[in-house]
Protein backbone atom coordinates (compact mmCIF):
# COMPACT_ATOMS: atom_id res chain seq x y z
CA UNK A 1 0.00 0.00 0.00
CA UNK A 2 1.47 3.35 -1.06
CA UNK A 3 1.83 5.95 1.68
CA UNK A 4 0.42 9.07 -0.03
CA UNK A 5 1.56 11.28 2.84
CA UNK A 6 5.11 10.07 2.29
CA UNK A 7 4.85 10.75 -1.46
CA UNK A 8 3.57 14.25 -0.72
CA UNK A 9 6.46 14.87 1.65
CA UNK A 10 9.08 13.66 -0.84
CA UNK A 11 7.64 15.89 -3.59
CA UNK A 12 6.92 18.95 -1.41
CA UNK A 13 9.62 21.01 -3.20
CA UNK A 14 8.39 20.05 -6.66
CA UNK A 15 7.39 22.73 -9.16
CA UNK A 16 6.83 20.23 -11.99
CA UNK A 17 3.35 18.91 -11.20
CA UNK A 18 3.74 16.12 -13.76
CA UNK A 19 6.84 14.90 -11.91
CA UNK A 20 4.82 14.65 -8.70
CA UNK A 21 2.38 12.32 -10.45
CA UNK A 22 5.21 10.33 -12.01
CA UNK A 23 6.62 9.70 -8.52
CA UNK A 24 3.26 8.51 -7.23
CA UNK A 25 2.77 6.25 -10.27
CA UNK A 26 6.19 4.66 -9.91
CA UNK A 27 5.72 3.97 -6.21
CA UNK A 28 2.27 2.49 -6.85
CA UNK A 29 3.50 0.20 -9.62
CA UNK A 30 6.95 -0.74 -8.32
CA UNK A 31 6.07 -0.90 -4.58
CA UNK A 32 9.61 -1.10 -3.18
CA UNK A 33 10.03 -3.76 -0.52
CA UNK A 34 12.98 -4.20 1.75
CA UNK A 35 14.01 -7.37 -0.12
CA UNK A 36 13.62 -5.84 -3.62
CA UNK A 37 16.38 -5.17 -6.14
CA UNK A 38 15.34 -2.23 -8.35
CA UNK A 39 16.99 -0.75 -11.43
CA UNK A 40 16.48 2.94 -12.25
CA UNK A 41 17.31 3.27 -15.95
CA UNK A 42 18.30 6.00 -16.54
CA UNK A 43 18.78 7.43 -13.08
CA UNK A 44 19.80 10.96 -14.12
CA UNK A 45 20.80 12.98 -11.06
CA UNK A 46 19.42 10.30 -8.72
CA UNK A 47 16.03 11.71 -7.73
CA UNK A 48 14.16 8.38 -7.77
CA UNK A 49 17.12 6.62 -6.17
CA UNK A 50 17.00 9.13 -3.32
CA UNK A 51 13.26 8.63 -2.82
CA UNK A 52 13.46 4.83 -2.99
CA UNK A 53 16.16 4.87 -0.33
CA UNK A 54 14.17 7.31 1.83
CA UNK A 55 11.05 5.13 1.64
CA UNK A 56 12.49 1.62 1.95
CA UNK A 57 15.55 -0.55 2.52
CA UNK A 58 15.52 -2.10 -0.95
CA UNK A 59 18.73 -2.44 -2.96
CA UNK A 60 18.97 0.05 -5.83
CA UNK A 61 21.02 0.20 -9.02
CA UNK A 62 21.08 3.43 -11.00
CA UNK A 63 22.21 3.35 -14.62
CA UNK A 64 23.13 6.48 -16.58
CA UNK A 65 24.83 6.90 -19.97
CA UNK A 66 25.80 10.58 -19.67
CA UNK A 67 29.04 10.76 -17.66
CA UNK A 68 28.65 14.37 -16.40
CA UNK A 69 25.16 13.48 -15.17
CA UNK A 70 26.29 10.38 -13.30
CA UNK A 71 28.95 12.51 -11.59
CA UNK A 72 26.07 14.68 -10.29
CA UNK A 73 24.20 11.53 -9.23
CA UNK A 74 27.22 10.40 -7.25
CA UNK A 75 27.27 13.76 -5.48
CA UNK A 76 23.55 13.51 -4.70
CA UNK A 77 23.10 9.84 -3.78
CA UNK A 78 26.44 8.04 -4.08
CA UNK A 79 26.87 8.10 -0.30
CA UNK A 80 23.58 6.29 0.39
CA UNK A 81 23.71 2.64 1.53
CA UNK A 82 22.92 -0.23 -0.86
CA UNK A 83 23.09 2.05 -3.92
CA UNK A 84 25.21 1.17 -6.96
CA UNK A 85 25.60 3.70 -9.79
CA UNK A 86 26.64 2.42 -13.22
CA UNK A 87 27.74 4.22 -16.38
CA UNK A 88 26.33 2.10 -19.22
CA UNK A 89 24.03 1.91 -22.24
CA UNK A 90 20.43 0.68 -22.28
CA UNK A 91 21.17 -1.43 -25.38
CA UNK A 92 23.79 -3.49 -23.50
CA UNK A 93 22.85 -3.59 -19.83
CA UNK A 94 25.80 -4.98 -17.78
CA UNK A 95 23.62 -7.28 -15.69
CA UNK A 96 22.77 -10.96 -15.82
CA UNK A 97 19.46 -12.32 -17.06
CA UNK A 98 16.61 -12.33 -14.52
CA UNK A 99 18.35 -10.02 -12.03
CA UNK A 100 15.86 -7.30 -11.01
CA UNK A 101 12.45 -7.35 -9.33
CA UNK A 102 11.49 -4.07 -11.00
CA UNK A 103 12.83 -1.51 -13.45
CA UNK A 104 12.00 2.21 -13.63
CA UNK A 105 12.04 3.77 -17.12
CA UNK A 106 10.95 7.32 -16.41
CA UNK A 107 11.43 9.91 -19.18
CA UNK A 108 14.08 7.83 -20.99
CA UNK A 109 12.50 6.09 -24.01
CA UNK A 110 11.93 9.43 -25.78
CA UNK A 111 15.74 9.84 -25.84
CA UNK A 112 16.37 6.37 -27.32
CA UNK A 113 16.62 5.82 -31.08
CA UNK A 114 15.68 2.12 -30.89
CA UNK A 115 13.13 1.99 -28.10
CA UNK A 116 12.06 -1.62 -28.68
CA UNK A 117 15.67 -2.83 -28.53
CA UNK A 118 16.14 -0.98 -25.26
CA UNK A 119 12.94 -2.46 -23.86
CA UNK A 120 14.07 -5.97 -24.85
CA UNK A 121 17.24 -5.49 -22.78
CA UNK A 122 15.11 -4.37 -19.84
CA UNK A 123 12.95 -7.47 -20.29
CA UNK A 124 16.07 -9.66 -20.26
CA UNK A 125 17.36 -8.37 -16.91
CA UNK A 126 13.95 -8.50 -15.20
CA UNK A 127 13.00 -11.58 -13.22
CA UNK A 128 10.00 -13.50 -14.57
CA UNK A 129 6.95 -11.73 -13.21
CA UNK A 130 8.98 -8.55 -12.69
CA UNK A 131 7.50 -5.11 -13.38
CA UNK A 132 8.62 -2.19 -15.51
CA UNK A 133 7.17 1.27 -14.81
CA UNK A 134 7.40 3.48 -17.91
CA UNK A 135 6.65 7.19 -18.26
CA UNK A 136 7.11 9.26 -21.43
CA UNK A 137 6.05 12.71 -22.69
CA UNK A 138 2.77 12.78 -24.58
CA UNK A 139 2.73 14.02 -28.20
CA UNK A 140 -0.70 15.45 -27.36
CA UNK A 141 0.54 17.75 -24.59
CA UNK A 142 -1.40 20.74 -23.20
CA UNK A 143 -0.90 24.11 -24.90
CA UNK A 144 -0.01 25.99 -21.69
CA UNK A 145 2.64 23.44 -20.68
CA UNK A 146 4.82 24.52 -23.60
CA UNK A 147 3.10 27.24 -25.68
CA UNK A 148 6.18 27.94 -27.79
CA UNK A 149 6.52 24.45 -29.24
CA UNK A 150 2.78 23.85 -29.44
CA UNK A 151 2.40 27.03 -31.51
CA UNK A 152 5.35 26.14 -33.74
CA UNK A 153 4.05 22.60 -34.32
CA UNK A 154 0.58 23.89 -35.20
CA UNK A 155 1.65 26.71 -37.50
CA UNK A 156 5.00 25.55 -38.90
CA UNK A 157 5.15 21.79 -38.32
CA UNK A 158 8.42 22.28 -36.42
CA UNK A 159 9.67 22.41 -32.83
CA UNK A 160 12.72 23.55 -30.84
CA UNK A 161 14.82 20.53 -29.84
CA UNK A 162 17.56 22.06 -27.70
CA UNK A 163 18.39 25.11 -25.64
CA UNK A 164 16.40 27.01 -22.97
CA UNK A 165 13.26 27.22 -25.17
CA UNK A 166 13.18 23.52 -26.09
CA UNK A 167 10.54 22.81 -23.46
CA UNK A 168 8.95 19.38 -23.69
CA UNK A 169 11.08 18.53 -26.75
CA UNK A 170 14.44 19.03 -24.99
CA UNK A 171 16.91 16.54 -26.55
CA UNK A 172 14.09 14.13 -27.43
CA UNK A 173 13.99 11.79 -30.41
CA UNK A 174 10.19 11.63 -30.26
CA UNK A 175 7.10 12.24 -28.18
CA UNK A 176 4.68 9.32 -27.85
CA UNK A 177 1.09 8.61 -28.66
CA UNK A 178 -0.76 6.07 -26.56
CA UNK A 179 -0.73 3.64 -29.47
CA UNK A 180 2.99 4.01 -30.18
CA UNK A 181 3.98 3.47 -26.55
CA UNK A 182 1.74 0.44 -26.16
CA UNK A 183 2.93 -1.15 -29.42
CA UNK A 184 6.62 -0.69 -28.44
CA UNK A 185 6.07 -2.27 -25.02
CA UNK A 186 4.18 -5.21 -26.52
CA UNK A 187 6.76 -5.66 -29.29
CA UNK A 188 9.49 -6.05 -26.65
CA UNK A 189 7.59 -8.96 -25.06
CA UNK A 190 5.93 -7.35 -22.06
CA UNK A 191 2.36 -7.85 -20.92
CA UNK A 192 0.63 -4.47 -20.46
CA UNK A 193 -1.19 -4.39 -17.12
CA UNK A 194 -2.14 -0.73 -16.74
CA UNK A 195 -1.96 2.58 -18.61
CA UNK A 196 -2.23 6.16 -17.37
CA UNK A 197 -2.20 9.70 -18.75
CA UNK A 198 -2.00 12.73 -16.48
CA UNK A 199 -1.46 16.49 -16.02
CA UNK A 200 -3.86 18.37 -18.28
CA UNK A 201 -4.10 21.70 -16.40
CA UNK A 202 -0.88 23.66 -15.88
CA UNK A 203 0.54 27.06 -15.12
CA UNK A 204 1.44 28.86 -18.39
CA UNK A 205 5.00 28.22 -19.65
CA UNK A 206 5.73 26.02 -16.63
CA UNK A 207 8.09 23.69 -18.48
CA UNK A 208 10.24 26.62 -19.60
CA UNK A 209 10.13 28.20 -16.13
CA UNK A 210 11.11 25.04 -14.26
CA UNK A 211 13.70 23.54 -16.60
CA UNK A 212 14.80 26.49 -18.73
CA UNK A 213 15.13 28.98 -15.87
CA UNK A 214 14.78 27.34 -12.44
CA UNK A 215 17.04 24.31 -12.93
CA UNK A 216 20.05 26.30 -14.22
CA UNK A 217 19.63 28.82 -11.37
CA UNK A 218 19.56 26.04 -8.75
CA UNK A 219 22.57 24.22 -10.19
CA UNK A 220 24.55 27.46 -10.53
CA UNK A 221 24.48 27.96 -6.75
CA UNK A 222 23.20 31.52 -7.18
CA UNK A 223 20.08 31.05 -5.04
CA UNK A 224 20.19 31.86 -1.30
CA UNK A 225 20.41 28.66 0.74
CA UNK A 226 16.84 28.83 2.09
CA UNK A 227 15.49 29.22 -1.47
CA UNK A 228 17.74 26.41 -2.74
CA UNK A 229 16.46 24.11 0.03
CA UNK A 230 12.87 24.82 -1.05
CA UNK A 231 13.65 24.14 -4.73
CA UNK A 232 15.87 21.06 -4.41
CA UNK A 233 14.27 17.69 -5.18
CA UNK A 234 16.83 15.93 -2.97
CA UNK A 235 16.42 18.23 0.05
CA UNK A 236 12.76 17.85 0.97
CA UNK A 237 13.60 17.48 4.68
CA UNK A 238 15.37 20.88 4.74
CA UNK A 239 12.46 23.06 3.59
CA UNK A 240 10.75 24.70 6.57
CA UNK A 241 7.66 25.49 4.48
CA UNK A 242 7.62 29.20 5.32
CA UNK A 243 5.56 31.31 2.93
CA UNK A 244 8.03 34.13 3.50
CA UNK A 245 10.25 32.08 1.19
CA UNK A 246 9.30 33.10 -2.40
CA UNK A 247 9.91 29.54 -3.63
CA UNK A 248 7.31 28.16 -1.23
CA UNK A 249 4.88 30.88 -2.24
CA UNK A 250 5.37 29.95 -5.90
CA UNK A 251 4.83 26.28 -5.06
CA UNK A 252 1.48 27.20 -3.48
CA UNK A 253 0.41 28.84 -6.74
CA UNK A 254 1.54 25.87 -8.86
CA UNK A 255 -0.23 23.39 -6.62
CA UNK A 256 -3.40 25.49 -6.95
CA UNK A 257 -3.23 25.14 -10.75
CA UNK A 258 -2.72 21.39 -10.32
CA UNK A 259 -5.85 20.87 -8.18
CA UNK A 260 -8.20 19.93 -11.08
CA UNK A 261 -5.81 17.26 -12.37
CA UNK A 262 -6.44 13.57 -11.76
CA UNK A 263 -4.20 10.51 -11.91
CA UNK A 264 -5.69 9.20 -15.15
CA UNK A 265 -7.28 11.44 -17.78
CA UNK A 266 -9.58 9.95 -20.44
CA UNK A 267 -8.16 8.96 -23.84
CA UNK A 268 -7.91 11.84 -26.29
CA UNK A 269 -7.38 14.52 -23.65
CA UNK A 270 -4.10 16.43 -23.80
CA UNK A 271 -1.72 15.46 -20.98
CA UNK A 272 1.95 15.90 -20.21
CA UNK A 273 2.65 12.22 -19.57
CA UNK A 274 1.71 8.75 -20.76
CA UNK A 275 2.56 5.77 -18.54
CA UNK A 276 2.51 1.99 -18.83
CA UNK A 277 2.96 -0.75 -16.27
CA UNK A 278 4.41 -3.79 -18.01
CA UNK A 279 5.19 -7.24 -16.64
CA UNK A 280 7.64 -9.88 -17.79
CA UNK A 281 5.68 -13.08 -18.48
CA UNK A 282 6.46 -16.04 -16.25
CA UNK A 283 7.57 -19.23 -18.00
């Protein structure tokens, strides 16, 4: 049973409302137990690794291809117990067959040229009956989430792929439709057990504000420490919650915009994310 109060606490500093729902989805589908071995592929800066360790005593492996990013992950979570960070490629996972109880694939497949090949490798290292929790950006995303790219796609058939204005397309090979994601997961050999789509309502330009402006400011070290504590995904225990802190005040506003959103929007409605829970068939 997922502890929603714990999820809320671990995402209390979060300005990306879609990320908050991704965290809840992953914890509902993966359900870390103390005897679990979980692979986070790709682990990025270690945000899920940090939360998994905070919530349970499971063993965690984080895999990341980008060397500068894994250096940041080591700074964030490398000191935590029972955590192994690996620099490797999804097409050739350096693990034996049938190793992991669960695999997290959150916001990674859109970066992968051959998504089915990557998913087949994930299937290989999962134990029979093991679960994969997948989240990807939706090709049918809400206008206000990224107005710049949505306008360009509508009027010019183009988008910005890199830089501070890239928004939802930042360094992505593709965005997914429900049908494309499902067909890729099935083609890799998984059984699809559940699908979700979420985050329809959003604060205007929020993707650009959070990742184009906020993230570089936080990583530059230019924010005062109290503001940095309120904006840091890894420092949720350090935020005192004071509304005198402008970051906390902004979070109040963003959470207000998120209130109408639900954990699974109906098919055809624009959302930020699409998610699938897949399972490796047992022999």
